[in-house]
Protein backbone atom coordinates (compact mmCIF):
# COMPACT_ATOMS: atom_id res chain seq x y z
CA MET A 1 -42.13 -21.30 -92.13
CA SER A 2 -44.71 -23.93 -91.23
CA LYS A 3 -48.36 -23.13 -91.90
CA LEU A 4 -49.42 -20.53 -89.76
CA HIS A 5 -53.04 -20.59 -87.74
CA ILE A 6 -54.37 -17.10 -86.63
CA VAL A 7 -56.54 -17.19 -83.34
CA ALA A 8 -57.87 -13.57 -82.52
CA ASP A 9 -61.03 -14.67 -80.13
CA THR A 10 -60.23 -13.52 -76.29
CA ASN A 11 -61.78 -16.57 -74.93
CA GLN A 12 -60.01 -19.10 -77.41
CA ILE A 13 -56.40 -17.13 -76.91
CA SER A 14 -57.01 -17.72 -73.16
CA SER A 15 -57.64 -21.61 -73.68
CA GLY A 16 -54.71 -21.91 -76.36
CA LEU A 17 -52.32 -20.36 -74.29
CA ARG A 18 -52.97 -22.77 -71.60
CA HIS A 19 -52.53 -26.03 -74.08
CA PRO A 20 -50.08 -28.11 -72.46
CA ASP A 21 -48.96 -29.25 -75.87
CA LEU A 22 -48.23 -25.82 -77.38
CA LYS A 23 -44.76 -24.49 -76.73
CA GLN A 24 -43.00 -20.74 -77.38
CA ALA A 25 -41.96 -19.94 -80.88
CA LEU A 26 -42.24 -16.35 -80.97
CA TYR A 27 -38.29 -15.87 -79.60
CA ASP A 28 -36.62 -18.84 -81.91
CA GLU A 29 -34.63 -16.26 -84.04
CA GLY A 30 -33.16 -14.72 -80.78
CA ALA A 31 -31.72 -17.79 -79.43
CA ILE A 32 -28.45 -15.90 -78.74
CA ILE A 33 -30.53 -14.60 -75.82
CA MET A 34 -33.59 -16.14 -75.33
CA GLY A 35 -32.63 -19.86 -76.14
CA ASP A 36 -33.56 -22.18 -73.33
CA THR A 37 -34.48 -19.40 -70.62
CA LEU A 38 -37.78 -19.22 -68.72
CA LEU A 39 -39.33 -17.72 -71.40
CA THR A 40 -38.82 -20.49 -73.99
CA LEU A 41 -38.51 -23.41 -71.91
CA HIS A 42 -41.46 -25.99 -72.07
CA GLY A 43 -43.07 -28.49 -70.11
CA GLU A 44 -41.79 -30.18 -67.17
CA ALA A 45 -38.42 -28.08 -67.62
CA HIS A 46 -40.23 -24.75 -67.79
CA ARG A 47 -41.89 -25.88 -64.54
CA LYS A 48 -39.12 -26.60 -62.34
CA ARG A 49 -37.73 -23.24 -63.60
CA ARG A 50 -40.50 -21.15 -62.53
CA ILE A 51 -40.85 -22.66 -59.47
CA MET A 52 -37.46 -22.40 -58.49
CA GLU A 53 -37.09 -18.58 -59.68
CA PHE A 54 -40.34 -17.64 -58.22
CA ARG A 55 -38.62 -17.48 -54.90
CA VAL A 56 -37.55 -14.47 -55.57
CA PHE A 57 -40.99 -13.60 -54.54
CA ARG A 58 -40.55 -14.31 -51.13
CA LYS A 59 -42.94 -12.75 -48.38
CA ASP A 60 -43.71 -8.95 -48.49
CA TYR A 61 -41.21 -8.83 -51.88
CA PHE A 62 -43.66 -6.38 -54.12
CA HIS A 63 -44.42 -4.23 -51.00
CA TRP A 64 -40.71 -4.17 -50.22
CA TYR A 65 -39.53 -3.49 -53.35
CA GLU A 66 -42.62 -0.52 -54.19
CA GLN A 67 -41.19 0.89 -50.52
CA THR A 68 -37.57 0.66 -50.56
CA VAL A 69 -36.07 -0.01 -53.82
CA PHE A 70 -37.86 1.88 -56.39
CA PRO A 71 -37.90 5.21 -54.79
CA LYS A 72 -34.36 5.25 -54.58
CA THR A 73 -33.92 3.89 -58.12
CA LEU A 74 -36.22 6.17 -59.42
CA ARG A 75 -34.46 9.46 -57.80
CA GLN A 76 -30.99 8.48 -58.80
CA SER A 77 -32.18 8.03 -62.34
CA MET A 78 -33.95 11.09 -62.71
CA THR A 79 -31.50 13.39 -61.11
CA GLY A 80 -29.96 14.88 -64.03
CA ASP A 81 -32.86 15.37 -66.27
CA ILE A 82 -35.05 17.28 -63.40
CA GLU A 83 -31.96 19.62 -62.88
CA ARG A 84 -31.92 20.00 -66.86
CA GLY A 85 -35.29 20.56 -67.06
CA ARG A 86 -36.36 18.15 -69.56
CA ALA A 87 -35.58 14.41 -70.70
CA GLU A 88 -35.97 12.03 -73.68
CA LEU A 89 -38.49 9.91 -72.48
CA ILE A 90 -37.25 6.95 -74.20
CA ASP A 91 -33.84 7.23 -72.53
CA LEU A 92 -35.08 7.93 -69.08
CA GLY A 93 -37.60 4.87 -69.48
CA TYR A 94 -34.88 2.60 -70.08
CA ARG A 95 -32.39 3.96 -67.57
CA VAL A 96 -34.92 4.03 -64.76
CA THR A 97 -36.50 0.49 -65.66
CA MET A 98 -32.93 -1.08 -66.60
CA ASN A 99 -31.56 -0.12 -62.89
CA LEU A 100 -35.17 -2.05 -61.67
CA THR A 101 -34.64 -4.81 -63.80
CA ALA A 102 -30.83 -5.24 -62.91
CA ASP A 103 -31.63 -5.25 -59.21
CA PHE A 104 -34.54 -7.97 -59.84
CA ALA A 105 -32.04 -10.18 -62.19
CA GLY A 106 -29.26 -9.63 -59.89
CA VAL A 107 -26.66 -7.56 -62.05
CA ASP A 108 -24.42 -5.18 -59.69
CA ARG A 109 -23.55 -1.64 -60.51
CA GLN A 110 -20.09 -1.54 -58.33
CA GLU A 111 -19.20 2.29 -59.92
CA GLN A 112 -22.85 3.73 -59.56
CA THR A 113 -21.82 6.10 -62.19
CA PRO A 114 -23.85 7.72 -65.20
CA GLU A 115 -21.18 6.40 -67.76
CA GLU A 116 -21.41 2.75 -66.05
CA THR A 117 -25.33 2.85 -66.46
CA ALA A 118 -25.10 4.06 -69.93
CA GLU A 119 -22.76 1.15 -70.97
CA LEU A 120 -25.04 -1.24 -69.21
CA LEU A 121 -28.21 0.49 -70.94
CA ARG A 122 -26.74 0.14 -74.47
CA LEU A 123 -25.73 -3.59 -73.58
CA VAL A 124 -29.18 -4.19 -72.55
CA GLU A 125 -30.65 -2.84 -75.47
CA ALA A 126 -28.65 -4.98 -77.88
CA PHE A 127 -30.34 -8.05 -75.88
CA SER A 128 -33.69 -6.69 -76.25
CA HIS A 129 -33.01 -6.53 -80.49
CA ALA A 130 -32.26 -9.94 -80.18
CA ALA A 131 -35.34 -10.97 -78.24
CA THR A 132 -37.44 -9.11 -80.79
CA LEU A 133 -35.25 -10.03 -84.06
CA ILE A 134 -38.72 -11.60 -85.52
CA HIS A 135 -39.97 -7.90 -85.49
CA SER A 136 -36.84 -6.21 -86.50
CA THR A 137 -36.52 -4.03 -89.41
CA ARG A 138 -32.90 -3.94 -89.30
CA PRO A 139 -30.34 -6.88 -91.09
CA LYS A 140 -30.54 -9.81 -88.75
CA ALA A 141 -27.01 -10.54 -89.38
CA GLU A 142 -25.88 -6.80 -88.39
CA VAL A 143 -27.89 -7.18 -85.01
CA LEU A 144 -26.58 -10.44 -84.01
CA GLU A 145 -23.10 -9.16 -84.31
CA GLU A 146 -24.20 -6.23 -82.08
CA VAL A 147 -25.36 -8.83 -79.42
CA ARG A 148 -22.10 -10.82 -79.77
CA GLU A 149 -20.03 -7.69 -79.17
CA ALA A 150 -22.54 -7.12 -76.13
CA ILE A 151 -21.94 -10.59 -74.49
CA ASP A 152 -18.27 -10.02 -74.69
CA ILE A 153 -18.52 -7.20 -72.57
CA PHE A 154 -21.11 -8.22 -70.51
CA ARG A 155 -19.98 -11.06 -69.10
CA PRO A 156 -16.55 -9.43 -67.48
CA ARG A 157 -17.70 -6.13 -66.78
CA PHE A 158 -21.25 -6.81 -65.15
CA LEU A 159 -22.32 -10.56 -64.83
CA ASP A 160 -18.71 -11.97 -63.17
CA PRO A 161 -18.37 -9.67 -60.70
CA SER A 162 -22.06 -10.08 -59.83
CA VAL A 163 -21.59 -13.47 -59.39
CA ALA A 164 -18.35 -13.99 -57.39
CA ARG A 165 -19.94 -11.24 -54.94
CA ARG A 166 -23.16 -13.66 -54.65
CA ARG A 167 -20.73 -16.97 -54.34
CA ASP A 168 -18.87 -15.10 -51.34
CA LEU A 169 -22.17 -14.33 -49.59
CA LEU A 170 -23.72 -17.63 -50.06
CA ALA A 171 -20.51 -19.30 -48.46
CA LYS A 172 -20.83 -16.83 -45.29
CA VAL A 173 -24.54 -18.21 -45.11
CA ALA A 174 -23.20 -21.63 -45.35
CA ASN A 175 -20.50 -20.87 -42.59
CA GLY A 176 -23.11 -19.32 -40.47
CA GLU A 177 -21.69 -16.19 -40.83
CA MET A 178 -24.88 -14.56 -42.07
CA HIS A 179 -28.38 -15.14 -42.35
CA GLU A 180 -30.19 -16.51 -45.44
CA ASP A 181 -32.52 -13.16 -45.51
CA ASP A 182 -30.10 -10.86 -45.85
CA LEU A 183 -28.92 -12.15 -49.29
CA PRO A 184 -29.55 -10.17 -52.34
CA ARG A 185 -33.42 -10.58 -53.58
CA ASP A 186 -32.83 -11.63 -57.23
CA VAL A 187 -32.62 -14.17 -59.75
CA LEU A 188 -29.14 -14.78 -59.80
CA THR A 189 -29.00 -15.44 -55.82
CA VAL A 190 -31.70 -17.98 -56.37
CA ILE A 191 -29.76 -19.82 -59.04
CA LEU A 192 -26.42 -19.76 -57.61
CA GLN A 193 -27.85 -21.17 -54.60
CA ARG A 194 -30.27 -23.58 -55.75
CA GLY A 195 -29.55 -23.96 -59.61
CA ASP A 196 -28.38 -27.29 -61.17
CA PRO A 197 -24.31 -26.37 -62.04
CA GLU A 198 -25.23 -28.73 -65.25
CA GLU A 199 -28.12 -26.98 -66.10
CA PHE A 200 -26.55 -23.63 -65.54
CA THR A 201 -23.53 -23.69 -67.56
CA PRO A 202 -21.68 -20.07 -67.96
CA ASP A 203 -23.29 -19.27 -71.20
CA MET A 204 -26.87 -20.67 -69.72
CA LEU A 205 -26.61 -18.42 -66.76
CA LEU A 206 -25.81 -15.45 -69.08
CA ARG A 207 -28.67 -16.08 -71.10
CA GLU A 208 -31.05 -15.98 -68.19
CA VAL A 209 -29.71 -13.17 -66.88
CA ALA A 210 -29.75 -11.37 -70.00
CA PHE A 211 -33.35 -12.68 -70.47
CA TYR A 212 -34.33 -10.89 -67.29
CA LEU A 213 -32.79 -7.94 -67.81
CA GLN A 214 -33.89 -7.00 -71.61
CA ALA A 215 -37.45 -8.07 -70.53
CA GLY A 216 -38.27 -6.18 -67.85
CA ALA A 217 -36.19 -2.92 -69.37
CA HIS A 218 -37.95 -3.16 -72.79
CA SER A 219 -41.09 -4.03 -72.19
CA THR A 220 -41.50 -1.86 -68.82
CA ALA A 221 -39.98 1.15 -70.66
CA ASN A 222 -42.15 0.96 -73.73
CA SER A 223 -45.24 0.67 -71.60
CA THR A 224 -44.34 3.33 -69.48
CA ILE A 225 -43.94 5.86 -72.51
CA HIS A 226 -47.46 4.55 -74.09
CA GLY A 227 -48.87 5.10 -70.35
CA PHE A 228 -47.68 8.65 -70.51
CA HIS A 229 -48.86 9.45 -74.26
CA GLU A 230 -52.05 8.28 -73.24
CA ILE A 231 -52.63 9.57 -70.01
CA TYR A 232 -51.35 13.07 -70.94
CA SER A 233 -53.55 13.14 -74.30
CA TRP A 234 -56.48 11.99 -72.23
CA ALA A 235 -56.34 14.69 -69.84
CA GLU A 236 -55.26 17.71 -72.17
CA GLU A 237 -58.68 17.30 -73.85
CA ASP A 238 -60.32 18.15 -70.87
CA PRO A 239 -58.18 20.21 -67.83
CA SER A 240 -60.16 19.07 -64.97
CA ARG A 241 -58.93 15.25 -65.35
CA TRP A 242 -55.79 16.26 -64.08
CA LYS A 243 -57.12 17.15 -60.87
CA LYS A 244 -58.56 13.35 -60.63
CA LEU A 245 -55.36 11.67 -61.73
CA GLN A 246 -53.48 14.04 -58.98
CA ASP A 247 -56.10 13.14 -56.09
CA ASP A 248 -56.60 9.53 -57.15
CA PRO A 249 -53.94 7.19 -57.31
CA VAL A 250 -56.15 4.08 -58.03
CA PHE A 251 -58.22 5.72 -60.56
CA PHE A 252 -54.49 6.51 -61.98
CA GLN A 253 -53.40 2.68 -62.13
CA ARG A 254 -56.56 2.37 -63.94
CA CYS A 255 -55.64 4.89 -66.43
CA VAL A 256 -52.40 2.54 -66.43
CA HIS A 257 -54.07 -0.89 -67.09
CA GLU A 258 -56.19 0.76 -69.87
CA SER A 259 -53.08 1.67 -71.76
CA LEU A 260 -51.37 -1.63 -71.17
CA ARG A 261 -54.67 -2.77 -72.51
CA LEU A 262 -54.47 -1.02 -75.93
CA HIS A 263 -50.18 -1.24 -76.20
CA PRO A 264 -49.48 -5.04 -74.98
CA ALA A 265 -45.52 -5.42 -74.89
CA SER A 266 -45.94 -7.78 -77.85
CA PRO A 267 -49.06 -7.83 -80.19
CA VAL A 268 -48.89 -11.53 -80.69
CA ALA A 269 -47.69 -14.55 -79.29
CA TRP A 270 -46.69 -17.68 -81.12
CA ARG A 271 -46.93 -21.21 -80.36
CA SER A 272 -45.77 -24.58 -81.93
CA ALA A 273 -47.73 -27.46 -81.57
CA THR A 274 -45.63 -30.37 -80.34
CA CYS A 275 -47.94 -33.37 -81.38
CA PRO A 276 -51.04 -33.10 -83.73
CA MET A 277 -54.41 -31.04 -82.06
CA HIS A 278 -57.43 -29.58 -82.86
CA LEU A 279 -57.52 -26.34 -81.45
CA GLU A 280 -60.61 -24.27 -81.14
CA GLY A 281 -60.43 -21.38 -83.37
CA ALA A 282 -57.30 -22.84 -85.38
CA GLY A 283 -59.11 -25.93 -86.44
CA ASP A 284 -56.68 -29.04 -86.99
CA VAL A 285 -52.83 -28.38 -86.21
CA ALA A 286 -50.17 -30.59 -87.38
CA GLU A 287 -46.92 -31.08 -85.18
CA GLY A 288 -44.97 -28.51 -85.88
CA GLU A 289 -47.33 -26.22 -87.20
CA MET A 290 -47.43 -22.71 -85.64
CA ILE A 291 -50.51 -20.74 -84.21
CA GLU A 292 -50.48 -16.98 -83.95
CA PHE A 293 -52.46 -15.64 -80.71
CA ARG A 294 -53.08 -11.78 -81.69
CA LEU A 295 -52.89 -10.40 -78.21
CA ALA A 296 -53.62 -6.51 -79.47
CA GLU A 297 -56.38 -7.60 -81.56
CA SER A 298 -58.40 -9.42 -78.85
CA ASN A 299 -57.53 -6.44 -76.15
CA ARG A 300 -59.84 -4.68 -78.55
CA ASP A 301 -62.54 -6.93 -78.73
CA PRO A 302 -65.79 -4.73 -78.44
CA GLU A 303 -67.68 -7.41 -77.32
CA ILE A 304 -65.81 -7.14 -74.20
CA TYR A 305 -64.60 -3.49 -74.15
CA GLY A 306 -67.23 -1.97 -75.64
CA ALA A 307 -67.91 0.07 -78.70
CA ASP A 308 -65.07 2.35 -78.28
CA ALA A 309 -62.37 -0.60 -77.39
CA ASP A 310 -59.86 1.13 -79.82
CA SER A 311 -59.81 4.29 -77.78
CA PHE A 312 -58.55 5.17 -74.34
CA ASN A 313 -61.23 5.19 -71.76
CA PRO A 314 -60.30 4.88 -67.86
CA TYR A 315 -64.10 4.85 -67.29
CA ARG A 316 -65.23 1.63 -69.39
CA LYS A 317 -66.78 -1.21 -67.96
CA ILE A 318 -65.50 -4.51 -68.97
CA LYS A 319 -67.08 -7.69 -68.98
CA THR A 320 -66.11 -10.19 -66.26
CA PRO A 321 -64.06 -12.15 -65.71
CA HIS A 322 -61.65 -10.32 -68.26
CA PRO A 323 -58.92 -7.99 -66.51
CA PRO A 324 -58.73 -4.34 -67.49
CA TYR A 325 -55.12 -5.03 -69.34
CA GLY A 326 -56.44 -7.96 -71.70
CA HIS A 327 -54.07 -10.76 -72.55
CA THR A 328 -51.39 -8.17 -71.92
CA PHE A 329 -49.40 -10.23 -69.72
CA GLY A 330 -50.14 -13.20 -70.92
CA THR A 331 -51.88 -16.25 -69.78
CA GLY A 332 -50.98 -19.64 -68.37
CA VAL A 333 -47.88 -21.07 -67.56
CA HIS A 334 -45.85 -18.44 -69.59
CA THR A 335 -47.94 -15.17 -67.62
CA CYS A 336 -45.52 -12.25 -67.03
CA LEU A 337 -43.42 -12.98 -63.73
CA GLY A 338 -43.29 -9.14 -63.72
CA ARG A 339 -47.06 -8.70 -63.78
CA ASP A 340 -47.70 -7.90 -60.57
CA LEU A 341 -44.31 -5.99 -60.14
CA ASP A 342 -45.25 -3.59 -63.20
CA GLY A 343 -48.97 -3.63 -63.30
CA GLY A 344 -49.65 -3.90 -59.26
CA ILE A 345 -52.24 -5.56 -57.90
CA LEU A 346 -56.13 -5.17 -59.09
CA PRO A 347 -58.27 -3.37 -56.52
CA ARG A 348 -61.24 -5.41 -55.37
CA GLY A 349 -63.77 -2.74 -53.87
CA GLU A 350 -62.78 -0.34 -51.68
CA VAL A 351 -59.15 -0.13 -51.14
CA ASP A 352 -56.63 1.93 -48.94
CA PRO A 353 -54.57 3.99 -51.41
CA ALA A 354 -52.02 4.25 -48.72
CA THR A 355 -51.10 0.58 -48.61
CA HIS A 356 -52.15 -0.56 -52.32
CA GLN A 357 -49.99 -2.01 -54.21
CA TYR A 358 -49.99 0.11 -57.45
CA GLY A 359 -46.85 -1.49 -59.66
CA THR A 360 -43.89 0.40 -61.00
CA ILE A 361 -45.47 1.92 -64.36
CA THR A 362 -47.80 3.67 -62.25
CA LEU A 363 -45.52 4.96 -59.64
CA PHE A 364 -43.38 6.27 -62.39
CA LEU A 365 -45.85 7.89 -64.34
CA ARG A 366 -47.44 9.87 -61.27
CA ASP A 367 -43.63 10.81 -60.38
CA LEU A 368 -43.04 12.38 -63.60
CA PHE A 369 -46.44 14.19 -64.14
CA ALA A 370 -46.16 15.16 -60.10
CA ARG A 371 -42.93 16.98 -61.59
CA GLY A 372 -44.85 18.90 -63.77
CA ALA A 373 -43.62 16.48 -67.50
CA ARG A 374 -45.23 17.43 -70.21
CA ILE A 375 -44.72 16.91 -74.23
CA ASP A 376 -42.41 19.50 -75.71
CA PRO A 377 -44.38 21.49 -78.22
CA ASP A 378 -41.18 22.57 -80.01
CA ASP A 379 -40.38 19.23 -80.19
CA PRO A 380 -42.91 16.60 -81.18
CA PRO A 381 -42.30 12.49 -80.14
CA ARG A 382 -41.84 10.13 -83.30
CA PRO A 383 -42.84 6.72 -83.80
CA ALA A 384 -39.63 4.13 -83.58
CA VAL A 385 -38.25 3.13 -87.21
CA ASP A 386 -36.37 -0.21 -86.35
CA THR A 387 -39.09 -2.36 -85.51
CA ALA A 388 -42.57 -3.53 -86.63
CA ARG A 389 -44.12 -3.00 -83.23
CA PRO A 390 -45.81 0.02 -82.84
CA ASN A 391 -43.57 1.53 -80.33
CA TRP A 392 -42.32 5.00 -79.72
CA GLY A 393 -38.65 5.70 -80.99
CA TYR A 394 -38.38 9.35 -79.64
CA TYR A 395 -40.08 11.31 -77.22
CA PRO A 396 -38.72 14.53 -75.31
CA VAL A 397 -40.66 15.78 -72.50
CA ILE A 398 -40.06 19.02 -70.54
CA PHE A 399 -40.56 19.75 -66.67
CA ASP A 400 -42.84 22.55 -66.57
CA LYS A 401 -42.71 24.08 -63.09
CA LYS A 402 -46.45 25.54 -63.69
CA ARG A 403 -47.51 21.84 -63.77
CA VAL A 404 -45.90 20.58 -60.77
CA TRP A 405 -48.46 18.81 -58.23
CA SER A 406 -48.86 20.27 -55.13
């Protein structure tokens, strides 16, 4: 690898991630899924792709998603776990978020069966392992072989039927048989409607859809589990805190943002220089050299987040203009498209709890706690062992009827 420059200062990270001559480099090893996707494109190609795919976020998209799509998906995903009275949160988190990101990406589940969901989940997990290959502790050749096998299953079973259905709907719009506003609100539809066929070859189309599938499912599921652990542990220290969490959903969202600060989906961001430059915090950088922006470290800067920056404290005072979740969603042109979908809108002053947009992580966690979810005292959670990222690998919970929110 070329020379690596380290940047951990929050302001220098903000500036560096906005630099137009630094391109994404963290996902090079996972090109089998990540190659030329929105996250790895650079410059004008990235700008055009982002503008086109941002069309998914039409008027009132987030409010519509939270109010219409999410409750149904959450209910369908959790029914079996609630009936059993227990769940493994890694599995449940992936099932819930995978279904959400499948809706967003444009992947149909025609059978709507638990078996179909389990199969798609297995494929998405393989795609996630490819995207995070740089941090995998497994043999890379083994991971890549699993990804190839997953692609061979995903294309005919899920992608091809999804494409065919949308092409039929687009034809109806073109023939005046259907209004454009009634088309599915997803990335695949936008690409088929407005994308350049020469750019979106069958392989490129598969990678873009697979990228959205794994990016949403992987990061959101892990963030949800971290959030559960932090909020549960904090509330258990003082049982009176449970009342605050139940009664104040805006405060609950603040707790989620605090957990997101402590546990960014990726602890670092890598960029490579497309030309020689001088970068604040990194010094002189030659073309092709790498810069590692240490997001997790900057998110715990005591100068910004206080002397207790390493701990979970939803009441902390944060220096403006820094957001409560720090650099977790990135900065600049590669800011996560799903930031508002996952984290909701930052409340500015007094907001109406009935209409505020909380984000899917907050809504998911509130639903879990409202159903009495708690750590299984006889089966403690364990950290993941197949990645260098500090994620959970096993997290069983039980649904305690005595803890159900009224």
